[in-house]
């Protein structure tokens, strides 16, 4: 669902579900993302939204904070910075932890 914040920024609620690698259970996320546009820079920030609905047989993971900073360099180039801090929640076997991070 799209909406505008009280500061006039564009925002959207996202539901995402990712298939787990056996024996790890599927993970799902519910996040809100806000977009702020400036002259040569765009900020996109996301964080968890506490919504009770949950997908079937999925562990609710939490996006502490995530986002992008897109800075225009020139007509053909953009510098992209990606930031992510996620709690995957639940149990993940040690041998798979680096594959899902």
N, C-alpha and C. Protein backbone atom coordinates (compact mmCIF):
# COMPACT_ATOMS: atom_id res chain seq x y z
N UNK A 1 0.84 -1.18 0.00
CA UNK A 1 0.00 0.00 0.00
C UNK A 1 0.89 1.24 0.00
N UNK A 2 0.62 2.18 -0.88
CA UNK A 2 1.36 3.43 -0.94
C UNK A 2 0.66 4.49 -0.11
N UNK A 3 1.43 5.37 0.49
CA UNK A 3 0.87 6.50 1.23
C UNK A 3 1.94 7.56 1.37
N UNK A 4 1.55 8.74 1.82
CA UNK A 4 2.49 9.82 2.09
C UNK A 4 2.61 10.01 3.59
N UNK A 5 3.82 10.29 4.06
CA UNK A 5 4.03 10.52 5.48
C UNK A 5 3.59 11.94 5.82
N UNK A 6 3.57 12.24 7.10
CA UNK A 6 3.18 13.59 7.52
C UNK A 6 4.18 14.65 7.06
N UNK A 7 5.38 14.21 6.65
CA UNK A 7 6.38 15.14 6.13
C UNK A 7 6.35 15.22 4.60
N UNK A 8 5.39 14.51 4.00
CA UNK A 8 5.22 14.58 2.55
C UNK A 8 6.07 13.61 1.76
N UNK A 9 6.77 12.69 2.42
CA UNK A 9 7.58 11.71 1.72
C UNK A 9 6.71 10.55 1.25
N UNK A 10 7.12 9.92 0.14
CA UNK A 10 6.42 8.73 -0.35
C UNK A 10 6.80 7.54 0.53
N UNK A 11 5.82 6.70 0.84
CA UNK A 11 6.08 5.52 1.66
C UNK A 11 5.29 4.34 1.12
N UNK A 12 5.76 3.13 1.45
CA UNK A 12 5.09 1.92 0.98
C UNK A 12 5.33 0.80 1.98
N UNK A 13 4.29 -0.01 2.22
CA UNK A 13 4.42 -1.20 3.06
C UNK A 13 4.68 -2.39 2.14
N UNK A 14 5.68 -3.21 2.50
CA UNK A 14 6.08 -4.36 1.69
C UNK A 14 5.94 -5.64 2.50
N UNK A 15 5.46 -6.70 1.86
CA UNK A 15 5.51 -8.04 2.43
C UNK A 15 6.44 -8.86 1.55
N UNK A 16 7.43 -9.51 2.16
CA UNK A 16 8.38 -10.33 1.41
C UNK A 16 8.50 -11.69 2.09
N UNK A 17 8.60 -12.72 1.30
CA UNK A 17 8.78 -14.07 1.83
C UNK A 17 9.92 -14.75 1.06
N UNK A 18 10.81 -15.40 1.82
CA UNK A 18 11.95 -16.07 1.23
C UNK A 18 11.94 -17.54 1.62
N UNK A 19 12.18 -18.39 0.66
CA UNK A 19 12.19 -19.83 0.87
C UNK A 19 13.46 -20.22 1.62
N UNK A 20 13.30 -20.98 2.68
CA UNK A 20 14.43 -21.44 3.46
C UNK A 20 15.16 -22.59 2.78
N UNK A 21 16.45 -22.72 3.05
CA UNK A 21 17.25 -23.83 2.58
C UNK A 21 17.15 -24.91 3.67
N UNK A 22 16.71 -26.12 3.32
CA UNK A 22 16.50 -27.16 4.31
C UNK A 22 17.73 -27.29 5.19
N UNK A 23 17.63 -27.34 6.48
CA UNK A 23 16.45 -27.48 7.33
C UNK A 23 15.94 -26.14 7.89
N UNK A 24 16.31 -25.04 7.27
CA UNK A 24 15.90 -23.72 7.76
C UNK A 24 14.49 -23.40 7.27
N UNK A 25 13.67 -22.92 8.17
CA UNK A 25 12.29 -22.56 7.84
C UNK A 25 12.26 -21.28 6.99
N UNK A 26 11.19 -21.12 6.18
CA UNK A 26 11.00 -19.90 5.40
C UNK A 26 11.01 -18.68 6.33
N UNK A 27 11.40 -17.55 5.79
CA UNK A 27 11.38 -16.29 6.53
C UNK A 27 10.45 -15.33 5.79
N UNK A 28 9.73 -14.51 6.57
CA UNK A 28 8.97 -13.44 5.94
C UNK A 28 9.25 -12.13 6.67
N UNK A 29 8.98 -11.03 5.97
CA UNK A 29 9.25 -9.69 6.47
C UNK A 29 8.04 -8.81 6.16
N UNK A 30 7.74 -7.86 7.04
CA UNK A 30 6.80 -6.79 6.74
C UNK A 30 7.53 -5.50 7.09
N UNK A 31 7.75 -4.66 6.09
CA UNK A 31 8.54 -3.44 6.25
C UNK A 31 7.80 -2.24 5.69
N UNK A 32 8.17 -1.10 6.19
CA UNK A 32 7.73 0.15 5.57
C UNK A 32 8.97 0.84 5.02
N UNK A 33 8.86 1.33 3.80
CA UNK A 33 9.96 2.04 3.15
C UNK A 33 9.54 3.47 2.86
N UNK A 34 10.45 4.38 3.08
CA UNK A 34 10.20 5.80 2.83
C UNK A 34 11.23 6.29 1.83
N UNK A 35 10.77 7.07 0.88
CA UNK A 35 11.65 7.62 -0.15
C UNK A 35 11.71 9.13 0.01
N UNK A 36 12.93 9.65 0.04
CA UNK A 36 13.13 11.10 0.09
C UNK A 36 13.99 11.50 -1.10
N UNK A 37 13.46 12.40 -1.90
CA UNK A 37 14.16 12.85 -3.10
C UNK A 37 14.76 14.23 -2.87
N UNK A 38 15.99 14.41 -3.33
CA UNK A 38 16.65 15.72 -3.30
C UNK A 38 17.22 15.96 -4.68
N UNK A 39 17.95 17.04 -4.87
CA UNK A 39 18.44 17.40 -6.19
C UNK A 39 19.22 16.28 -6.87
N UNK A 40 20.32 15.84 -6.28
CA UNK A 40 21.17 14.82 -6.89
C UNK A 40 21.31 13.58 -6.01
N UNK A 41 20.42 13.43 -5.04
CA UNK A 41 20.53 12.30 -4.11
C UNK A 41 19.13 11.79 -3.73
N UNK A 42 19.03 10.47 -3.63
CA UNK A 42 17.76 9.85 -3.23
C UNK A 42 18.05 8.93 -2.06
N UNK A 43 17.21 9.02 -1.02
CA UNK A 43 17.32 8.17 0.15
C UNK A 43 16.12 7.23 0.17
N UNK A 44 16.37 5.95 0.39
CA UNK A 44 15.30 4.97 0.56
C UNK A 44 15.61 4.24 1.86
N UNK A 45 14.75 4.37 2.85
CA UNK A 45 14.98 3.76 4.15
C UNK A 45 13.83 2.81 4.48
N UNK A 46 14.17 1.66 5.07
CA UNK A 46 13.16 0.68 5.44
C UNK A 46 13.38 0.21 6.87
N UNK A 47 12.28 -0.18 7.50
CA UNK A 47 12.36 -0.81 8.81
C UNK A 47 11.14 -1.69 9.02
N UNK A 48 11.23 -2.52 10.04
CA UNK A 48 10.16 -3.46 10.35
C UNK A 48 8.87 -2.73 10.74
N UNK A 49 7.75 -3.35 10.39
CA UNK A 49 6.44 -2.88 10.84
C UNK A 49 5.82 -4.04 11.62
N UNK A 50 5.32 -3.75 12.79
CA UNK A 50 4.70 -4.79 13.62
C UNK A 50 3.26 -5.00 13.19
N UNK A 51 3.08 -5.93 12.26
CA UNK A 51 1.76 -6.30 11.79
C UNK A 51 1.55 -7.76 12.18
N UNK A 52 0.41 -8.08 12.73
CA UNK A 52 0.18 -9.42 13.25
C UNK A 52 0.09 -10.48 12.17
N UNK A 53 -0.38 -10.12 10.96
CA UNK A 53 -0.52 -11.12 9.92
C UNK A 53 0.83 -11.73 9.60
N UNK A 54 0.83 -13.04 9.43
CA UNK A 54 2.07 -13.74 9.11
C UNK A 54 1.77 -14.84 8.12
N UNK A 55 2.68 -15.05 7.20
CA UNK A 55 2.53 -16.11 6.22
C UNK A 55 2.54 -17.48 6.88
N UNK A 56 2.00 -18.45 6.19
CA UNK A 56 1.91 -19.80 6.71
C UNK A 56 3.30 -20.42 6.87
N UNK A 57 3.58 -20.95 8.05
CA UNK A 57 4.81 -21.66 8.35
C UNK A 57 6.07 -20.87 7.99
N UNK A 58 6.11 -19.62 8.35
CA UNK A 58 7.30 -18.79 8.13
C UNK A 58 7.70 -18.14 9.46
N UNK A 59 8.99 -17.95 9.63
CA UNK A 59 9.50 -17.24 10.79
C UNK A 59 9.59 -15.76 10.43
N UNK A 60 9.02 -14.90 11.25
CA UNK A 60 9.05 -13.46 10.98
C UNK A 60 10.43 -12.91 11.31
N UNK A 61 11.16 -12.52 10.30
CA UNK A 61 12.46 -11.87 10.46
C UNK A 61 12.23 -10.37 10.63
N UNK A 62 13.23 -9.68 11.15
CA UNK A 62 13.07 -8.26 11.45
C UNK A 62 14.14 -7.44 10.74
N UNK A 63 13.70 -6.43 10.02
CA UNK A 63 14.63 -5.47 9.43
C UNK A 63 14.80 -4.36 10.46
N UNK A 64 15.96 -4.35 11.12
CA UNK A 64 16.24 -3.31 12.09
C UNK A 64 16.30 -1.98 11.34
N UNK A 65 17.13 -1.95 10.31
CA UNK A 65 17.18 -0.80 9.40
C UNK A 65 17.83 -1.28 8.10
N UNK A 66 17.35 -0.76 7.01
CA UNK A 66 17.93 -1.06 5.71
C UNK A 66 17.66 0.13 4.80
N UNK A 67 18.46 0.25 3.78
CA UNK A 67 18.19 1.34 2.86
C UNK A 67 19.28 1.51 1.82
N UNK A 68 18.99 2.47 0.96
CA UNK A 68 19.89 2.82 -0.14
C UNK A 68 20.10 4.33 -0.14
N UNK A 69 21.27 4.72 -0.55
CA UNK A 69 21.56 6.13 -0.85
C UNK A 69 22.06 6.13 -2.28
N UNK A 70 21.34 6.81 -3.15
CA UNK A 70 21.73 6.90 -4.55
C UNK A 70 22.15 8.33 -4.83
N UNK A 71 23.41 8.52 -5.17
CA UNK A 71 23.94 9.86 -5.43
C UNK A 71 24.37 9.95 -6.88
N UNK A 72 23.79 10.89 -7.58
CA UNK A 72 24.12 11.09 -8.99
C UNK A 72 25.53 11.66 -9.11
N UNK A 73 26.33 11.01 -9.94
CA UNK A 73 27.69 11.49 -10.19
C UNK A 73 27.69 12.32 -11.46
N UNK A 74 27.11 11.78 -12.52
CA UNK A 74 26.95 12.51 -13.77
C UNK A 74 25.80 11.87 -14.55
N UNK A 75 25.66 12.20 -15.81
CA UNK A 75 24.55 11.70 -16.62
C UNK A 75 24.48 10.18 -16.69
N UNK A 76 25.63 9.50 -16.62
CA UNK A 76 25.68 8.05 -16.82
C UNK A 76 26.09 7.25 -15.59
N UNK A 77 26.33 7.92 -14.47
CA UNK A 77 26.82 7.20 -13.30
C UNK A 77 26.08 7.62 -12.04
N UNK A 78 25.84 6.61 -11.18
CA UNK A 78 25.23 6.84 -9.88
C UNK A 78 26.03 6.05 -8.86
N UNK A 79 26.33 6.66 -7.74
CA UNK A 79 27.01 5.96 -6.65
C UNK A 79 25.92 5.41 -5.73
N UNK A 80 25.99 4.09 -5.45
CA UNK A 80 24.99 3.42 -4.64
C UNK A 80 25.60 2.94 -3.34
N UNK A 81 24.98 3.29 -2.23
CA UNK A 81 25.37 2.77 -0.92
C UNK A 81 24.19 1.98 -0.38
N UNK A 82 24.46 0.74 0.07
CA UNK A 82 23.42 -0.13 0.62
C UNK A 82 23.74 -0.40 2.08
N UNK A 83 22.73 -0.28 2.93
CA UNK A 83 22.88 -0.47 4.37
C UNK A 83 21.85 -1.50 4.80
N UNK A 84 22.27 -2.46 5.63
CA UNK A 84 21.31 -3.48 6.07
C UNK A 84 21.70 -4.04 7.43
N UNK A 85 20.73 -4.09 8.33
CA UNK A 85 20.87 -4.75 9.62
C UNK A 85 19.60 -5.54 9.84
N UNK A 86 19.70 -6.87 9.73
CA UNK A 86 18.53 -7.74 9.76
C UNK A 86 18.71 -8.82 10.82
N UNK A 87 17.65 -9.08 11.58
CA UNK A 87 17.61 -10.20 12.51
C UNK A 87 16.79 -11.29 11.84
N UNK A 88 17.43 -12.38 11.42
CA UNK A 88 16.72 -13.45 10.71
C UNK A 88 15.84 -14.28 11.64
N UNK A 89 15.98 -14.11 12.94
CA UNK A 89 15.15 -14.77 13.95
C UNK A 89 15.19 -16.29 13.82
N UNK A 90 14.73 -16.97 14.83
CA UNK A 90 14.66 -18.42 14.77
C UNK A 90 16.02 -19.09 14.72
N UNK A 91 16.01 -20.38 14.44
CA UNK A 91 17.20 -21.21 14.46
C UNK A 91 17.74 -21.40 13.05
N UNK A 92 19.05 -21.22 12.90
CA UNK A 92 19.74 -21.48 11.63
C UNK A 92 20.98 -22.30 11.97
N UNK A 93 21.13 -23.49 11.38
CA UNK A 93 22.31 -24.32 11.67
C UNK A 93 23.60 -23.57 11.34
N UNK A 94 24.62 -23.79 12.16
CA UNK A 94 25.89 -23.10 11.99
C UNK A 94 26.45 -23.26 10.57
N UNK A 95 26.33 -24.45 9.98
CA UNK A 95 26.89 -24.68 8.64
C UNK A 95 26.20 -23.85 7.55
N UNK A 96 24.99 -23.32 7.83
CA UNK A 96 24.26 -22.52 6.84
C UNK A 96 24.26 -21.02 7.15
N UNK A 97 24.74 -20.63 8.31
CA UNK A 97 24.64 -19.22 8.71
C UNK A 97 25.28 -18.26 7.72
N UNK A 98 26.44 -18.57 7.19
CA UNK A 98 27.11 -17.67 6.24
C UNK A 98 26.40 -17.66 4.88
N UNK A 99 25.67 -18.71 4.55
CA UNK A 99 24.96 -18.77 3.27
C UNK A 99 23.69 -17.93 3.26
N UNK A 100 23.12 -17.66 4.44
CA UNK A 100 21.88 -16.89 4.50
C UNK A 100 22.10 -15.47 4.96
N UNK A 101 23.30 -15.13 5.38
CA UNK A 101 23.59 -13.75 5.80
C UNK A 101 23.91 -12.89 4.62
